[in-house]
N, C-alpha and C. Protein backbone atom coordinates (compact mmCIF):
# COMPACT_ATOMS: atom_id res chain seq x y z
N MET A 1 -131.17 79.49 -54.71
CA MET A 1 -130.48 79.54 -55.98
C MET A 1 -129.54 80.73 -56.09
N SER A 2 -129.68 81.67 -55.19
CA SER A 2 -128.84 82.86 -55.30
C SER A 2 -127.36 82.51 -55.19
N ASP A 3 -127.04 81.47 -54.41
CA ASP A 3 -125.65 81.05 -54.29
C ASP A 3 -125.11 80.62 -55.66
N LEU A 4 -125.91 79.85 -56.39
CA LEU A 4 -125.52 79.42 -57.73
C LEU A 4 -125.38 80.63 -58.66
N ASP A 5 -126.35 81.53 -58.59
CA ASP A 5 -126.29 82.73 -59.44
C ASP A 5 -125.08 83.60 -59.10
N ASP A 6 -124.76 83.70 -57.81
CA ASP A 6 -123.59 84.48 -57.39
C ASP A 6 -122.30 83.90 -57.96
N ILE A 7 -122.19 82.58 -57.89
CA ILE A 7 -120.98 81.92 -58.40
C ILE A 7 -120.89 82.08 -59.91
N LYS A 8 -122.02 81.92 -60.60
CA LYS A 8 -122.02 82.11 -62.06
C LYS A 8 -121.58 83.53 -62.41
N GLU A 9 -122.07 84.50 -61.67
CA GLU A 9 -121.71 85.89 -61.95
C GLU A 9 -120.23 86.14 -61.69
N LYS A 10 -119.68 85.52 -60.65
CA LYS A 10 -118.25 85.69 -60.36
C LYS A 10 -117.39 85.06 -61.45
N ILE A 11 -117.82 83.92 -61.96
CA ILE A 11 -117.09 83.28 -63.05
C ILE A 11 -117.16 84.17 -64.30
N ARG A 12 -118.36 84.67 -64.61
CA ARG A 12 -118.51 85.58 -65.76
C ARG A 12 -117.62 86.81 -65.61
N ALA A 13 -117.61 87.38 -64.41
CA ALA A 13 -116.80 88.58 -64.17
C ALA A 13 -115.32 88.29 -64.37
N ALA A 14 -114.87 87.12 -63.89
CA ALA A 14 -113.47 86.74 -64.06
C ALA A 14 -113.15 86.57 -65.54
N MET A 15 -114.07 85.95 -66.28
CA MET A 15 -113.84 85.75 -67.71
C MET A 15 -113.90 87.09 -68.46
N ASN A 16 -114.81 87.96 -68.07
CA ASN A 16 -114.88 89.29 -68.69
C ASN A 16 -113.59 90.05 -68.49
N SER A 17 -113.03 89.94 -67.29
CA SER A 17 -111.81 90.69 -66.99
C SER A 17 -110.62 90.21 -67.82
N GLN A 18 -110.65 88.96 -68.27
CA GLN A 18 -109.56 88.49 -69.13
C GLN A 18 -109.98 88.44 -70.59
N GLY A 19 -111.19 88.91 -70.89
CA GLY A 19 -111.63 89.02 -72.28
C GLY A 19 -112.02 87.72 -72.94
N THR A 20 -112.42 86.72 -72.16
CA THR A 20 -112.75 85.42 -72.74
C THR A 20 -114.23 85.07 -72.66
N TYR A 21 -115.04 85.94 -72.05
CA TYR A 21 -116.46 85.62 -71.89
C TYR A 21 -117.25 85.86 -73.17
N THR A 22 -118.08 84.88 -73.52
CA THR A 22 -119.12 85.05 -74.53
C THR A 22 -120.36 84.34 -73.99
N SER A 23 -121.52 84.76 -74.43
CA SER A 23 -122.76 84.14 -73.94
C SER A 23 -122.86 82.68 -74.35
N ASP A 24 -122.09 82.27 -75.35
CA ASP A 24 -122.08 80.86 -75.77
C ASP A 24 -121.56 79.95 -74.66
N LEU A 25 -120.82 80.51 -73.72
CA LEU A 25 -120.23 79.72 -72.64
C LEU A 25 -121.12 79.63 -71.40
N ASP A 26 -122.33 80.18 -71.47
CA ASP A 26 -123.20 80.21 -70.29
C ASP A 26 -123.52 78.81 -69.76
N LEU A 27 -123.72 77.84 -70.64
CA LEU A 27 -123.98 76.47 -70.18
C LEU A 27 -122.78 75.92 -69.43
N CYS A 28 -121.58 76.11 -69.96
CA CYS A 28 -120.36 75.66 -69.29
C CYS A 28 -120.19 76.36 -67.94
N ILE A 29 -120.53 77.63 -67.89
CA ILE A 29 -120.43 78.39 -66.64
C ILE A 29 -121.42 77.84 -65.62
N THR A 30 -122.63 77.52 -66.06
CA THR A 30 -123.63 76.94 -65.16
C THR A 30 -123.17 75.59 -64.64
N LEU A 31 -122.62 74.75 -65.52
CA LEU A 31 -122.12 73.44 -65.09
C LEU A 31 -120.98 73.59 -64.09
N CYS A 32 -120.08 74.52 -64.35
CA CYS A 32 -118.96 74.75 -63.45
C CYS A 32 -119.45 75.24 -62.09
N ALA A 33 -120.38 76.17 -62.09
CA ALA A 33 -120.93 76.69 -60.84
C ALA A 33 -121.65 75.60 -60.06
N GLY A 34 -122.39 74.75 -60.77
CA GLY A 34 -123.08 73.63 -60.12
C GLY A 34 -122.10 72.64 -59.51
N SER A 35 -121.03 72.36 -60.22
CA SER A 35 -120.00 71.46 -59.69
C SER A 35 -119.35 72.06 -58.45
N TYR A 36 -119.14 73.37 -58.48
CA TYR A 36 -118.55 74.04 -57.33
C TYR A 36 -119.49 73.96 -56.12
N ILE A 37 -120.80 74.09 -56.35
CA ILE A 37 -121.77 73.96 -55.26
C ILE A 37 -121.69 72.54 -54.69
N ALA A 38 -121.63 71.53 -55.57
CA ALA A 38 -121.51 70.13 -55.11
C ALA A 38 -120.24 69.95 -54.30
N PHE A 39 -119.15 70.57 -54.75
CA PHE A 39 -117.88 70.51 -54.02
C PHE A 39 -118.04 71.12 -52.63
N LYS A 40 -118.69 72.29 -52.55
CA LYS A 40 -118.88 72.95 -51.26
C LYS A 40 -119.74 72.12 -50.31
N ILE A 41 -120.77 71.47 -50.84
CA ILE A 41 -121.64 70.62 -50.02
C ILE A 41 -120.84 69.44 -49.48
N ALA A 42 -120.07 68.79 -50.36
CA ALA A 42 -119.25 67.65 -49.93
C ALA A 42 -118.20 68.08 -48.91
N LEU A 43 -117.59 69.23 -49.12
CA LEU A 43 -116.60 69.74 -48.18
C LEU A 43 -117.23 70.02 -46.83
N ASN A 44 -118.42 70.57 -46.84
CA ASN A 44 -119.15 70.84 -45.60
C ASN A 44 -119.48 69.53 -44.87
N ASP A 45 -119.88 68.50 -45.62
CA ASP A 45 -120.17 67.19 -45.01
C ASP A 45 -118.92 66.60 -44.36
N ILE A 46 -117.80 66.69 -45.03
CA ILE A 46 -116.56 66.13 -44.50
C ILE A 46 -116.09 66.89 -43.27
N ALA A 47 -116.32 68.18 -43.25
CA ALA A 47 -115.90 68.99 -42.10
C ALA A 47 -116.59 68.54 -40.81
N LYS A 48 -117.74 67.90 -40.93
CA LYS A 48 -118.49 67.43 -39.76
C LYS A 48 -118.04 66.04 -39.30
N LYS A 49 -117.25 65.36 -40.11
CA LYS A 49 -116.82 63.99 -39.79
C LYS A 49 -115.68 64.00 -38.79
N LYS A 50 -115.68 63.01 -37.92
CA LYS A 50 -114.60 62.87 -36.95
C LYS A 50 -113.56 61.85 -37.41
N ARG A 51 -113.95 61.01 -38.40
CA ARG A 51 -113.03 60.00 -38.91
C ARG A 51 -113.08 59.98 -40.43
N SER A 52 -112.00 59.53 -41.03
CA SER A 52 -111.94 59.45 -42.49
C SER A 52 -112.29 58.05 -42.99
N PHE A 53 -112.75 57.20 -42.11
CA PHE A 53 -113.07 55.83 -42.50
C PHE A 53 -114.39 55.40 -41.85
N VAL A 54 -114.95 54.33 -42.41
CA VAL A 54 -116.14 53.70 -41.84
C VAL A 54 -115.86 52.20 -41.74
N THR A 55 -116.61 51.53 -40.91
CA THR A 55 -116.48 50.08 -40.77
C THR A 55 -117.50 49.43 -41.69
N GLU A 56 -117.01 48.53 -42.51
CA GLU A 56 -117.86 47.82 -43.46
C GLU A 56 -117.88 46.35 -43.05
N VAL A 57 -119.04 45.72 -43.16
CA VAL A 57 -119.16 44.30 -42.82
C VAL A 57 -119.43 43.54 -44.11
N SER A 58 -118.57 42.55 -44.39
CA SER A 58 -118.74 41.75 -45.60
C SER A 58 -119.90 40.77 -45.41
N ARG A 59 -120.31 40.13 -46.49
CA ARG A 59 -121.41 39.17 -46.38
C ARG A 59 -121.03 37.96 -45.53
N GLU A 60 -119.72 37.76 -45.36
CA GLU A 60 -119.26 36.68 -44.48
C GLU A 60 -119.22 37.12 -43.03
N GLY A 61 -119.50 38.38 -42.78
CA GLY A 61 -119.51 38.90 -41.42
C GLY A 61 -118.19 39.49 -40.96
N ASN A 62 -117.22 39.60 -41.86
CA ASN A 62 -115.93 40.18 -41.50
C ASN A 62 -116.01 41.70 -41.53
N LYS A 63 -115.40 42.33 -40.54
CA LYS A 63 -115.37 43.79 -40.49
C LYS A 63 -114.06 44.30 -41.07
N LYS A 64 -114.16 45.39 -41.80
CA LYS A 64 -112.95 46.03 -42.33
C LYS A 64 -113.19 47.53 -42.39
N LEU A 65 -112.09 48.27 -42.31
CA LEU A 65 -112.16 49.73 -42.40
C LEU A 65 -111.97 50.14 -43.85
N VAL A 66 -112.85 51.03 -44.31
CA VAL A 66 -112.76 51.55 -45.67
C VAL A 66 -112.87 53.07 -45.62
N ALA A 67 -112.36 53.71 -46.65
CA ALA A 67 -112.44 55.17 -46.72
C ALA A 67 -113.90 55.61 -46.70
N HIS A 68 -114.17 56.70 -46.01
CA HIS A 68 -115.53 57.22 -45.94
C HIS A 68 -115.99 57.61 -47.35
N PRO A 69 -117.19 57.20 -47.76
CA PRO A 69 -117.68 57.52 -49.11
C PRO A 69 -117.75 59.02 -49.40
N ALA A 70 -117.89 59.84 -48.39
CA ALA A 70 -117.96 61.29 -48.61
C ALA A 70 -116.66 61.83 -49.22
N PHE A 71 -115.54 61.17 -48.94
CA PHE A 71 -114.27 61.63 -49.51
C PHE A 71 -114.23 61.40 -51.02
N LYS A 72 -114.79 60.29 -51.48
CA LYS A 72 -114.84 60.04 -52.92
C LYS A 72 -115.72 61.09 -53.59
N VAL A 73 -116.85 61.39 -52.97
CA VAL A 73 -117.74 62.42 -53.52
C VAL A 73 -117.00 63.76 -53.61
N LEU A 74 -116.26 64.10 -52.55
CA LEU A 74 -115.52 65.36 -52.53
C LEU A 74 -114.49 65.41 -53.66
N PHE A 75 -113.67 64.38 -53.78
CA PHE A 75 -112.62 64.39 -54.79
C PHE A 75 -113.18 64.31 -56.21
N ASP A 76 -114.30 63.61 -56.40
CA ASP A 76 -114.94 63.58 -57.72
C ASP A 76 -115.45 64.98 -58.09
N ALA A 77 -116.11 65.64 -57.14
CA ALA A 77 -116.61 67.00 -57.40
C ALA A 77 -115.45 67.96 -57.63
N LEU A 78 -114.38 67.79 -56.88
CA LEU A 78 -113.20 68.63 -57.05
C LEU A 78 -112.60 68.48 -58.44
N GLU A 79 -112.47 67.24 -58.88
CA GLU A 79 -111.87 66.98 -60.19
C GLU A 79 -112.73 67.53 -61.32
N VAL A 80 -114.04 67.35 -61.22
CA VAL A 80 -114.95 67.88 -62.25
C VAL A 80 -114.86 69.40 -62.28
N THR A 81 -114.87 70.02 -61.11
CA THR A 81 -114.80 71.48 -61.04
C THR A 81 -113.49 71.99 -61.61
N ARG A 82 -112.40 71.33 -61.26
CA ARG A 82 -111.08 71.73 -61.76
C ARG A 82 -111.03 71.67 -63.29
N LYS A 83 -111.55 70.59 -63.85
CA LYS A 83 -111.56 70.45 -65.31
C LYS A 83 -112.43 71.52 -65.96
N GLN A 84 -113.57 71.81 -65.36
CA GLN A 84 -114.45 72.82 -65.94
C GLN A 84 -113.84 74.22 -65.85
N LEU A 85 -113.16 74.51 -64.76
CA LEU A 85 -112.47 75.80 -64.66
C LEU A 85 -111.40 75.92 -65.74
N ARG A 86 -110.67 74.84 -65.97
CA ARG A 86 -109.65 74.87 -67.02
C ARG A 86 -110.27 75.05 -68.40
N GLU A 87 -111.42 74.39 -68.64
CA GLU A 87 -112.10 74.56 -69.93
C GLU A 87 -112.50 76.01 -70.16
N LEU A 88 -112.85 76.69 -69.07
CA LEU A 88 -113.25 78.09 -69.18
C LEU A 88 -112.04 79.03 -69.21
N GLY A 89 -110.85 78.46 -69.12
CA GLY A 89 -109.64 79.27 -69.18
C GLY A 89 -109.33 79.99 -67.88
N LEU A 90 -109.89 79.51 -66.78
CA LEU A 90 -109.63 80.14 -65.49
C LEU A 90 -108.57 79.35 -64.74
N THR A 91 -107.47 80.01 -64.49
CA THR A 91 -106.41 79.45 -63.68
C THR A 91 -106.00 80.51 -62.68
N LEU A 92 -105.16 80.12 -61.76
CA LEU A 92 -104.69 81.08 -60.77
C LEU A 92 -103.96 82.23 -61.44
N GLN A 93 -103.22 81.95 -62.51
CA GLN A 93 -102.44 82.98 -63.18
C GLN A 93 -103.32 83.95 -63.97
N THR A 94 -104.41 83.46 -64.56
CA THR A 94 -105.23 84.33 -65.40
C THR A 94 -106.41 84.95 -64.68
N LEU A 95 -106.74 84.43 -63.53
CA LEU A 95 -107.88 84.96 -62.79
C LEU A 95 -107.51 86.29 -62.17
N SER A 96 -108.24 87.32 -62.50
CA SER A 96 -107.90 88.65 -61.97
C SER A 96 -108.94 89.12 -60.97
N ALA A 97 -109.51 88.18 -60.24
CA ALA A 97 -110.50 88.53 -59.22
C ALA A 97 -109.78 88.88 -57.93
N SER A 98 -110.52 89.41 -56.99
CA SER A 98 -109.94 89.79 -55.71
C SER A 98 -109.56 88.56 -54.90
N ASP A 99 -108.71 88.75 -53.89
CA ASP A 99 -108.22 87.63 -53.09
C ASP A 99 -109.32 86.95 -52.29
N ASP A 100 -110.41 87.66 -51.98
CA ASP A 100 -111.47 87.05 -51.18
C ASP A 100 -112.60 86.49 -52.05
N ASP A 101 -112.37 86.39 -53.34
CA ASP A 101 -113.34 85.87 -54.28
C ASP A 101 -113.47 84.36 -54.10
N GLU A 102 -114.70 83.81 -54.14
CA GLU A 102 -114.92 82.38 -53.97
C GLU A 102 -114.27 81.56 -55.08
N VAL A 103 -114.30 82.05 -56.31
CA VAL A 103 -113.68 81.32 -57.41
C VAL A 103 -112.18 81.25 -57.20
N ASN A 104 -111.58 82.35 -56.76
CA ASN A 104 -110.15 82.37 -56.48
C ASN A 104 -109.82 81.39 -55.36
N ASP A 105 -110.66 81.35 -54.32
CA ASP A 105 -110.45 80.41 -53.22
C ASP A 105 -110.52 78.97 -53.73
N LEU A 106 -111.48 78.68 -54.60
CA LEU A 106 -111.61 77.34 -55.15
C LEU A 106 -110.37 76.95 -55.94
N ILE A 107 -109.91 77.86 -56.79
CA ILE A 107 -108.72 77.57 -57.60
C ILE A 107 -107.52 77.34 -56.70
N ASN A 108 -107.39 78.12 -55.64
CA ASN A 108 -106.29 77.91 -54.69
C ASN A 108 -106.38 76.54 -54.04
N GLU A 109 -107.60 76.11 -53.65
CA GLU A 109 -107.78 74.78 -53.05
C GLU A 109 -107.41 73.69 -54.04
N VAL A 110 -107.85 73.83 -55.29
CA VAL A 110 -107.55 72.83 -56.32
C VAL A 110 -106.05 72.76 -56.58
N ASP A 111 -105.41 73.93 -56.71
CA ASP A 111 -103.97 73.96 -56.95
C ASP A 111 -103.20 73.32 -55.80
N LYS A 112 -103.63 73.54 -54.57
CA LYS A 112 -102.97 72.96 -53.40
C LYS A 112 -103.07 71.44 -53.45
N ILE A 113 -104.25 70.92 -53.79
CA ILE A 113 -104.42 69.47 -53.87
C ILE A 113 -103.57 68.90 -54.99
N ASP A 114 -103.50 69.59 -56.14
CA ASP A 114 -102.65 69.12 -57.24
C ASP A 114 -101.19 69.08 -56.82
N ARG A 115 -100.73 70.11 -56.08
CA ARG A 115 -99.33 70.15 -55.63
C ARG A 115 -99.04 69.02 -54.64
N ASP A 116 -100.03 68.67 -53.83
CA ASP A 116 -99.85 67.61 -52.84
C ASP A 116 -99.96 66.23 -53.46
N GLY A 117 -100.34 66.16 -54.74
CA GLY A 117 -100.40 64.89 -55.44
C GLY A 117 -101.67 64.12 -55.21
N GLU A 118 -102.68 64.72 -54.59
CA GLU A 118 -103.92 64.01 -54.33
C GLU A 118 -104.92 64.18 -55.45
N GLY A 119 -104.66 65.06 -56.38
CA GLY A 119 -105.61 65.32 -57.45
C GLY A 119 -105.41 64.44 -58.67
N ASP A 120 -104.46 63.51 -58.60
CA ASP A 120 -104.16 62.66 -59.76
C ASP A 120 -105.14 61.53 -59.89
């Protein structure tokens, strides 16, 4: 659980630095940190894959290629995390954490996906 606690503390620190933290937001911070953990797990799973597709067999016995289900999990977790970060008022412009901060890295990843048009 220390990973979750570390992420929650980094989010709190980022919010404190911009003057937006109140203890009333602790539930939202916990949800955001949990979503980020889910995102990291999904990202780790995808990093181990050699292909972005799987072969599916229909009930008629026909084979077809479909997107690997892990990608949907990744993008769903990414979207939830992005929305929760925005709810907390954390964006790349307002986040005053260091460059090697995990929250900053996450926001950079989310912004890159949004720029590439995959986050829609």
